[in-house]
C-alpha atoms as a PDB file:
ATOM      1  CA  MET A   1     -18.222   9.196 -10.588  1.00  0.00           C
ATOM      2  CA  SER A   2     -15.312  11.651 -10.288  1.00  0.00           C
ATOM      3  CA  THR A   3     -13.523  12.607  -7.116  1.00  0.00           C
ATOM      4  CA  LEU A   4     -11.845  16.008  -6.988  1.00  0.00           C
ATOM      5  CA  GLN A   5      -8.751  16.313  -4.825  1.00  0.00           C
ATOM      6  CA  GLU A   6      -6.160  18.971  -4.160  1.00  0.00           C
ATOM      7  CA  ALA A   7      -2.749  18.173  -5.580  1.00  0.00           C
ATOM      8  CA  PRO A   8      -0.162  16.943  -3.063  1.00  0.00           C
ATOM      9  CA  GLN A   9       2.159  19.641  -1.750  1.00  0.00           C
ATOM     10  CA  ASP A  10       5.950  19.717  -1.356  1.00  0.00           C
ATOM     11  CA  ARG A  11       5.700  19.914   2.427  1.00  0.00           C
ATOM     12  CA  ILE A  12       8.094  17.697   4.371  1.00  0.00           C
ATOM     13  CA  VAL A  13       7.510  18.312   8.080  1.00  0.00           C
ATOM     14  CA  THR A  14       3.916  17.253   8.667  1.00  0.00           C
ATOM     15  CA  VAL A  15       2.415  15.032  11.341  1.00  0.00           C
ATOM     16  CA  PRO A  16       1.430  12.296   8.827  1.00  0.00           C
ATOM     17  CA  ASN A  17       4.982  12.279   7.427  1.00  0.00           C
ATOM     18  CA  ILE A  18       6.485  12.021  10.912  1.00  0.00           C
ATOM     19  CA  LEU A  19       4.231   9.049  11.676  1.00  0.00           C
ATOM     20  CA  SER A  20       5.127   7.379   8.370  1.00  0.00           C
ATOM     21  CA  LEU A  21       8.843   7.922   9.014  1.00  0.00           C
ATOM     22  CA  ALA A  22       8.572   6.483  12.531  1.00  0.00           C
ATOM     23  CA  ARG A  23       6.786   3.450  11.093  1.00  0.00           C
ATOM     24  CA  LEU A  24       9.498   3.080   8.460  1.00  0.00           C
ATOM     25  CA  LEU A  25      12.320   3.256  11.033  1.00  0.00           C
ATOM     26  CA  GLY A  26      10.628   0.495  13.044  1.00  0.00           C
ATOM     27  CA  VAL A  27      10.940  -2.078  10.240  1.00  0.00           C
ATOM     28  CA  PRO A  28      14.471  -3.376  11.034  1.00  0.00           C
ATOM     29  CA  LEU A  29      13.649  -3.438  14.763  1.00  0.00           C
ATOM     30  CA  PHE A  30      10.525  -5.447  14.052  1.00  0.00           C
ATOM     31  CA  LEU A  31      12.452  -7.996  11.957  1.00  0.00           C
ATOM     32  CA  TRP A  32      15.086  -8.367  14.669  1.00  0.00           C
ATOM     33  CA  LEU A  33      12.393  -8.955  17.322  1.00  0.00           C
ATOM     34  CA  VAL A  34      10.777 -11.639  15.174  1.00  0.00           C
ATOM     35  CA  LEU A  35      14.081 -13.415  14.548  1.00  0.00           C
ATOM     36  CA  ILE A  36      15.028 -13.516  18.238  1.00  0.00           C
ATOM     37  CA  GLU A  37      11.464 -14.734  18.980  1.00  0.00           C
ATOM     38  CA  ALA A  38      10.565 -11.739  21.134  1.00  0.00           C
ATOM     39  CA  ASP A  39       7.056 -12.170  19.792  1.00  0.00           C
ATOM     40  CA  TRP A  40       5.151  -9.943  22.202  1.00  0.00           C
ATOM     41  CA  TRP A  41       7.459  -6.994  21.595  1.00  0.00           C
ATOM     42  CA  ALA A  42       7.207  -7.624  17.843  1.00  0.00           C
ATOM     43  CA  LEU A  43       3.420  -7.720  18.080  1.00  0.00           C
ATOM     44  CA  GLY A  44       3.367  -4.467  20.031  1.00  0.00           C
ATOM     45  CA  LEU A  45       5.475  -2.778  17.367  1.00  0.00           C
ATOM     46  CA  LEU A  46       3.220  -4.157  14.634  1.00  0.00           C
ATOM     47  CA  VAL A  47       0.140  -2.809  16.450  1.00  0.00           C
ATOM     48  CA  PHE A  48       1.824   0.610  16.609  1.00  0.00           C
ATOM     49  CA  ALA A  49       2.574   0.401  12.878  1.00  0.00           C
ATOM     50  CA  GLY A  50      -1.038  -0.453  12.082  1.00  0.00           C
ATOM     51  CA  LEU A  51      -2.449   2.335  14.250  1.00  0.00           C
ATOM     52  CA  SER A  52      -0.041   4.929  12.864  1.00  0.00           C
ATOM     53  CA  ASP A  53      -0.899   3.816   9.312  1.00  0.00           C
ATOM     54  CA  TRP A  54      -4.572   4.494  10.008  1.00  0.00           C
ATOM     55  CA  LEU A  55      -3.881   7.728  11.885  1.00  0.00           C
ATOM     56  CA  ASP A  56      -1.607   9.359   9.328  1.00  0.00           C
ATOM     57  CA  GLY A  57      -4.249   8.859   6.642  1.00  0.00           C
ATOM     58  CA  LYS A  58      -6.919  10.398   8.849  1.00  0.00           C
ATOM     59  CA  LEU A  59      -4.744  13.388   9.658  1.00  0.00           C
ATOM     60  CA  ALA A  60      -3.659  13.887   6.034  1.00  0.00           C
ATOM     61  CA  ARG A  61      -7.298  14.106   4.945  1.00  0.00           C
ATOM     62  CA  ALA A  62      -8.595  16.078   7.918  1.00  0.00           C
ATOM     63  CA  PHE A  63      -5.921  18.780   7.868  1.00  0.00           C
ATOM     64  CA  ASN A  64      -5.094  18.769   4.152  1.00  0.00           C
ATOM     65  CA  GLN A  65      -1.522  17.605   4.835  1.00  0.00           C
ATOM     66  CA  THR A  66      -1.176  15.405   1.775  1.00  0.00           C
ATOM     67  CA  SER A  67       2.396  15.678   0.490  1.00  0.00           C
ATOM     68  CA  LYS A  68       4.616  14.217  -2.190  1.00  0.00           C
ATOM     69  CA  LEU A  69       6.934  12.821   0.497  1.00  0.00           C
ATOM     70  CA  GLY A  70       3.967  11.097   2.123  1.00  0.00           C
ATOM     71  CA  MET A  71       3.129   9.533  -1.241  1.00  0.00           C
ATOM     72  CA  VAL A  72       6.508   7.777  -1.024  1.00  0.00           C
ATOM     73  CA  LEU A  73       6.871   7.082   2.707  1.00  0.00           C
ATOM     74  CA  ASP A  74       3.447   5.620   3.417  1.00  0.00           C
ATOM     75  CA  PRO A  75       3.328   2.768   0.873  1.00  0.00           C
ATOM     76  CA  ALA A  76       7.066   2.142   1.362  1.00  0.00           C
ATOM     77  CA  ALA A  77       6.511   1.543   5.082  1.00  0.00           C
ATOM     78  CA  ASP A  78       3.602  -0.832   4.429  1.00  0.00           C
ATOM     79  CA  ARG A  79       5.572  -2.808   1.848  1.00  0.00           C
ATOM     80  CA  LEU A  80       8.659  -3.054   4.048  1.00  0.00           C
ATOM     81  CA  TYR A  81       6.635  -4.287   7.037  1.00  0.00           C
ATOM     82  CA  ILE A  82       5.073  -6.955   4.848  1.00  0.00           C
ATOM     83  CA  LEU A  83       8.494  -7.903   3.458  1.00  0.00           C
ATOM     84  CA  ALA A  84      10.120  -7.983   6.909  1.00  0.00           C
ATOM     85  CA  THR A  85       7.297 -10.136   8.259  1.00  0.00           C
ATOM     86  CA  LEU A  86       7.500 -12.509   5.311  1.00  0.00           C
ATOM     87  CA  VAL A  87      11.259 -12.885   5.785  1.00  0.00           C
ATOM     88  CA  GLY A  88      10.998 -13.415   9.537  1.00  0.00           C
ATOM     89  CA  LEU A  89       8.076 -15.840   9.447  1.00  0.00           C
ATOM     90  CA  THR A  90       9.613 -17.803   6.570  1.00  0.00           C
ATOM     91  CA  ILE A  91      12.922 -18.179   8.426  1.00  0.00           C
ATOM     92  CA  ARG A  92      10.986 -19.428  11.443  1.00  0.00           C
ATOM     93  CA  ASP A  93       8.972 -21.855   9.245  1.00  0.00           C
ATOM     94  CA  ILE A  94       5.667 -20.249  10.233  1.00  0.00           C
ATOM     95  CA  ILE A  95       4.573 -19.551   6.655  1.00  0.00           C
ATOM     96  CA  PRO A  96       5.399 -21.553   3.505  1.00  0.00           C
ATOM     97  CA  LEU A  97       7.589 -20.327   0.671  1.00  0.00           C
ATOM     98  CA  TRP A  98       4.687 -20.361  -1.816  1.00  0.00           C
ATOM     99  CA  LEU A  99       2.944 -17.515   0.037  1.00  0.00           C
ATOM    100  CA  VAL A 100       6.102 -15.420  -0.118  1.00  0.00           C
ATOM    101  CA  LEU A 101       6.468 -16.107  -3.838  1.00  0.00           C
ATOM    102  CA  ALA A 102       2.798 -15.221  -4.490  1.00  0.00           C
ATOM    103  CA  LEU A 103       3.132 -11.846  -2.772  1.00  0.00           C
ATOM    104  CA  VAL A 104       6.504 -11.019  -4.314  1.00  0.00           C
ATOM    105  CA  ALA A 105       5.191 -11.966  -7.770  1.00  0.00           C
ATOM    106  CA  ARG A 106       2.287  -9.559  -7.295  1.00  0.00           C
ATOM    107  CA  GLU A 107       4.699  -6.729  -6.495  1.00  0.00           C
ATOM    108  CA  VAL A 108       6.745  -7.547  -9.579  1.00  0.00           C
ATOM    109  CA  SER A 109       3.594  -7.600 -11.723  1.00  0.00           C
ATOM    110  CA  ILE A 110       2.829  -3.912 -11.069  1.00  0.00           C
ATOM    111  CA  LEU A 111       6.384  -2.575 -11.384  1.00  0.00           C
ATOM    112  CA  PRO A 112       5.907  -1.446 -15.032  1.00  0.00           C
ATOM    113  CA  ILE A 113       2.881   0.705 -14.138  1.00  0.00           C
ATOM    114  CA  ALA A 114       4.766   3.682 -12.674  1.00  0.00           C
ATOM    115  CA  PRO A 115       7.049   4.265 -15.688  1.00  0.00           C
ATOM    116  CA  ILE A 116       4.108   3.813 -18.081  1.00  0.00           C
ATOM    117  CA  VAL A 117       2.015   6.428 -16.239  1.00  0.00           C
ATOM    118  CA  ARG A 118       4.945   8.856 -16.058  1.00  0.00           C
ATOM    119  CA  ARG A 119       5.691   8.375 -19.743  1.00  0.00           C
ATOM    120  CA  LEU A 120       2.097   9.318 -20.527  1.00  0.00           C
ATOM    121  CA  GLY A 121       2.747  12.677 -18.893  1.00  0.00           C
ATOM    122  CA  TYR A 122       0.433  12.348 -15.895  1.00  0.00           C
ATOM    123  CA  GLY A 123       1.250  14.181 -12.707  1.00  0.00           C
ATOM    124  CA  GLY A 124       1.816  11.121 -10.562  1.00  0.00           C
ATOM    125  CA  THR A 125       1.455   7.392 -10.236  1.00  0.00           C
ATOM    126  CA  LEU A 126      -1.862   5.645  -9.662  1.00  0.00           C
ATOM    127  CA  PRO A 127      -3.559   6.443  -6.353  1.00  0.00           C
ATOM    128  CA  VAL A 128      -4.116   3.694  -3.817  1.00  0.00           C
ATOM    129  CA  HIS A 129      -7.331   1.788  -4.546  1.00  0.00           C
ATOM    130  CA  PHE A 130      -9.506   0.754  -1.615  1.00  0.00           C
ATOM    131  CA  ILE A 131      -9.128  -2.895  -2.688  1.00  0.00           C
ATOM    132  CA  GLY A 132      -5.350  -2.545  -2.394  1.00  0.00           C
ATOM    133  CA  LYS A 133      -5.718  -0.913   1.010  1.00  0.00           C
ATOM    134  CA  ALA A 134      -8.055  -3.694   2.164  1.00  0.00           C
ATOM    135  CA  ALA A 135      -5.547  -6.283   0.960  1.00  0.00           C
ATOM    136  CA  THR A 136      -2.735  -4.604   2.867  1.00  0.00           C
ATOM    137  CA  MET A 137      -4.820  -4.461   6.040  1.00  0.00           C
ATOM    138  CA  CYS A 138      -5.782  -8.148   5.742  1.00  0.00           C
ATOM    139  CA  LEU A 139      -2.129  -9.104   5.397  1.00  0.00           C
ATOM    140  CA  LEU A 140      -1.107  -6.872   8.299  1.00  0.00           C
ATOM    141  CA  TYR A 141      -3.822  -8.529  10.416  1.00  0.00           C
ATOM    142  CA  SER A 142      -2.803 -12.023   9.344  1.00  0.00           C
ATOM    143  CA  PHE A 143       0.890 -11.807  10.238  1.00  0.00           C
ATOM    144  CA  PRO A 144       0.566 -11.107  13.979  1.00  0.00           C
ATOM    145  CA  LEU A 145      -2.112 -13.796  14.210  1.00  0.00           C
ATOM    146  CA  LEU A 146       0.156 -16.308  12.467  1.00  0.00           C
ATOM    147  CA  LEU A 147       2.941 -15.277  14.823  1.00  0.00           C
ATOM    148  CA  LEU A 148       0.645 -15.957  17.778  1.00  0.00           C
ATOM    149  CA  GLY A 149      -0.393 -19.212  16.128  1.00  0.00           C
ATOM    150  CA  ASP A 150       3.173 -20.456  16.453  1.00  0.00           C
ATOM    151  CA  HIS A 151       2.549 -20.868  20.183  1.00  0.00           C
ATOM    152  CA  ASP A 152       0.823 -23.823  21.867  1.00  0.00           C
ATOM    153  CA  GLY A 153      -2.665 -23.891  23.324  1.00  0.00           C
ATOM    154  CA  GLY A 154      -6.199 -23.179  22.205  1.00  0.00           C
ATOM    155  CA  ALA A 155      -5.527 -19.469  21.709  1.00  0.00           C
ATOM    156  CA  GLY A 156      -2.611 -20.302  19.437  1.00  0.00           C
ATOM    157  CA  THR A 157      -4.739 -22.658  17.371  1.00  0.00           C
ATOM    158  CA  ALA A 158      -7.540 -20.100  17.010  1.00  0.00           C
ATOM    159  CA  ALA A 159      -5.048 -17.395  16.043  1.00  0.00           C
ATOM    160  CA  ARG A 160      -3.529 -19.684  13.412  1.00  0.00           C
ATOM    161  CA  VAL A 161      -6.923 -20.438  11.826  1.00  0.00           C
ATOM    162  CA  VAL A 162      -8.037 -16.797  11.745  1.00  0.00           C
ATOM    163  CA  GLY A 163      -4.586 -15.691  10.599  1.00  0.00           C
ATOM    164  CA  TRP A 164      -4.649 -18.027   7.608  1.00  0.00           C
ATOM    165  CA  ALA A 165      -8.142 -16.776   6.721  1.00  0.00           C
ATOM    166  CA  PHE A 166      -6.842 -13.197   6.637  1.00  0.00           C
ATOM    167  CA  ALA A 167      -3.759 -14.300   4.702  1.00  0.00           C
ATOM    168  CA  GLY A 168      -5.894 -16.017   2.063  1.00  0.00           C
ATOM    169  CA  TRP A 169      -8.220 -13.039   1.642  1.00  0.00           C
ATOM    170  CA  GLY A 170      -5.324 -10.591   1.696  1.00  0.00           C
ATOM    171  CA  THR A 171      -3.419 -12.452  -1.019  1.00  0.00           C
ATOM    172  CA  ALA A 172      -6.511 -12.707  -3.223  1.00  0.00           C
ATOM    173  CA  LEU A 173      -7.346  -9.008  -2.791  1.00  0.00           C
ATOM    174  CA  TYR A 174      -3.707  -8.073  -3.401  1.00  0.00           C
ATOM    175  CA  TRP A 175      -3.841  -9.712  -6.825  1.00  0.00           C
ATOM    176  CA  TRP A 176      -7.293  -8.249  -7.522  1.00  0.00           C
ATOM    177  CA  ALA A 177      -5.915  -4.774  -6.803  1.00  0.00           C
ATOM    178  CA  ALA A 178      -3.051  -5.446  -9.237  1.00  0.00           C
ATOM    179  CA  VAL A 179      -5.596  -6.263 -11.958  1.00  0.00           C
ATOM    180  CA  LEU A 180      -7.501  -3.040 -11.201  1.00  0.00           C
ATOM    181  CA  TYR A 181      -4.301  -0.998 -11.439  1.00  0.00           C
ATOM    182  CA  TRP A 182      -3.565  -2.488 -14.849  1.00  0.00           C
ATOM    183  CA  VAL A 183      -7.144  -1.727 -15.939  1.00  0.00           C
ATOM    184  CA  GLN A 184      -6.670   1.900 -14.885  1.00  0.00           C
ATOM    185  CA  THR A 185      -3.328   2.006 -16.685  1.00  0.00           C
ATOM    186  CA  ARG A 186      -4.952   0.701 -19.869  1.00  0.00           C
ATOM    187  CA  GLN A 187      -7.614   3.415 -19.609  1.00  0.00           C
ATOM    188  CA  LEU A 188      -4.890   6.051 -19.348  1.00  0.00           C
ATOM    189  CA  VAL A 189      -3.052   4.642 -22.369  1.00  0.00           C
ATOM    190  CA  LEU A 190      -6.247   4.690 -24.442  1.00  0.00           C
ATOM    191  CA  ALA A 191      -7.084   8.224 -23.249  1.00  0.00           C
ATOM    192  CA  GLY A 192      -3.575   9.350 -24.147  1.00  0.00           C
ATOM    193  CA  ARG A 193      -3.922   7.998 -27.675  1.00  0.00           C
ATOM    194  CA  ALA A 194      -7.262   9.758 -28.116  1.00  0.00           C
ATOM    195  CA  SER A 195      -6.071  13.124 -26.768  1.00  0.00           C
ATOM    196  CA  PRO A 196      -3.655  15.535 -28.470  1.00  0.00           C
ATOM    197  CA  PRO A 197      -0.366  16.096 -26.645  1.00  0.00           C
ATOM    198  CA  ALA A 198      -0.508  18.825 -24.037  1.00  0.00           C
ATOM    199  CA  SER A 199       1.474  21.958 -24.835  1.00  0.00           C
ATOM    200  CA  GLY A 200       2.359  22.447 -21.204  1.00  0.00           C
ATOM    201  CA  PRO A 201       1.425  21.383 -17.710  1.00  0.00           C
ATOM    202  CA  GLY A 202      -2.282  21.800 -17.189  1.00  0.00           C
ATOM    203  CA  PRO A 203      -4.518  21.679 -14.149  1.00  0.00           C
ATOM    204  CA  ALA A 204      -4.842  18.338 -12.452  1.00  0.00           C
ATOM    205  CA  SER A 205      -8.076  16.427 -12.774  1.00  0.00           C
ATOM    206  CA  GLU A 206      -9.201  13.174 -11.253  1.00  0.00           C
ATOM    207  CA  ALA A 207     -11.553  10.469 -12.480  1.00  0.00           C
ATOM    208  CA  GLY A 208     -13.253   7.565 -10.804  1.00  0.00           C
ATOM    209  CA  ASP A 209     -12.722   3.892 -11.427  1.00  0.00           C
ATOM    210  CA  GLN A 210     -14.691   3.816 -14.669  1.00  0.00           C
ATOM    211  CA  GLY A 211     -12.765   6.256 -16.832  1.00  0.00           C
ATOM    212  CA  THR A 212     -10.444   9.218 -17.087  1.00  0.00           C
ATOM    213  CA  GLU A 213     -10.826  12.958 -17.431  1.00  0.00           C
ATOM    214  CA  GLY A 214      -8.219  15.241 -18.982  1.00  0.00           C
ATOM    215  CA  GLY A 215      -5.142  14.426 -20.963  1.00  0.00           C
ATOM    216  CA  PRO A 216      -1.442  14.336 -20.131  1.00  0.00           C
ATOM    217  CA  GLY A 217      -0.609  16.633 -17.238  1.00  0.00           C
ATOM    218  CA  ALA A 218      -3.708  15.515 -15.334  1.00  0.00           C
ATOM    219  CA  GLU A 219      -3.756  13.228 -12.379  1.00  0.00           C
ATOM    220  CA  PRO A 220      -4.620   9.565 -12.967  1.00  0.00           C
ATOM    221  CA  PRO A 221      -7.952   8.041 -11.865  1.00  0.00           C
ATOM    222  CA  ALA A 222      -8.391   8.102  -8.130  1.00  0.00           C
ATOM    223  CA  GLY A 223      -9.024   5.168  -5.845  1.00  0.00           C
ATOM    224  CA  ASP A 224      -9.359   5.522  -2.083  1.00  0.00           C
ATOM    225  CA  GLN A 225      -7.022   8.414  -1.234  1.00  0.00           C
ATOM    226  CA  LYS A 226      -4.998   8.742   1.946  1.00  0.00           C
ATOM    227  CA  GLY A 227      -2.055  10.701   0.641  1.00  0.00           C
ATOM    228  CA  ALA A 228      -0.130   7.761  -0.813  1.00  0.00           C
ATOM    229  CA  GLY A 229       0.027   7.776  -4.589  1.00  0.00           C
ATOM    230  CA  THR A 230       1.836   4.485  -5.183  1.00  0.00           C
ATOM    231  CA  PRO A 231      -0.288   1.414  -5.985  1.00  0.00           C
ATOM    232  CA  ARG A 232      -0.363  -1.249  -3.304  1.00  0.00           C
END
């Protein structure tokens, strides 16, 4: 099933972009709060990051404020929050090194996708798939719970158990999303071989998860769109 979508614009000053930038600027502050064990302030900042992540996607869709800058800022902020949390919680011995390595390895595994898609002549990188978004949300839920789980008491124990459940699901979904992105990339490669080279930039077209429409110059298959075009 195909999903049609307007191409992202070159707009810079939009409400979703401002929210994404604010979330991005909060990353070093969040890491510092974790390292000095100001856990409640760190949790408050993480809650703000999660809410703004949800809100900027809603606003981008509702008011047609999807932009190329947002396609960079939004996934960059999510990745940096995950990285900052991994660094902070690893230094504090809250999470093991193997979890960090599993998540970093997943990021490395999808690095070749962007240059492959650009080399094929498509208008952008792969859109965010809903599985990737679900994985990111599970991980962003797990980290504050694991941070709370570092404290004593019954609430800390419950938070630790639920946090590890989210971490396990998030890691599994993260890798599943990586597989789906490679499947989409393979579809684009096969479509590119079957289609004659485009003589110039053509209109963008989108396809669902099961195939592609259009040749080079079109947009790659769409997942769950929120204005961020980088796979997660």
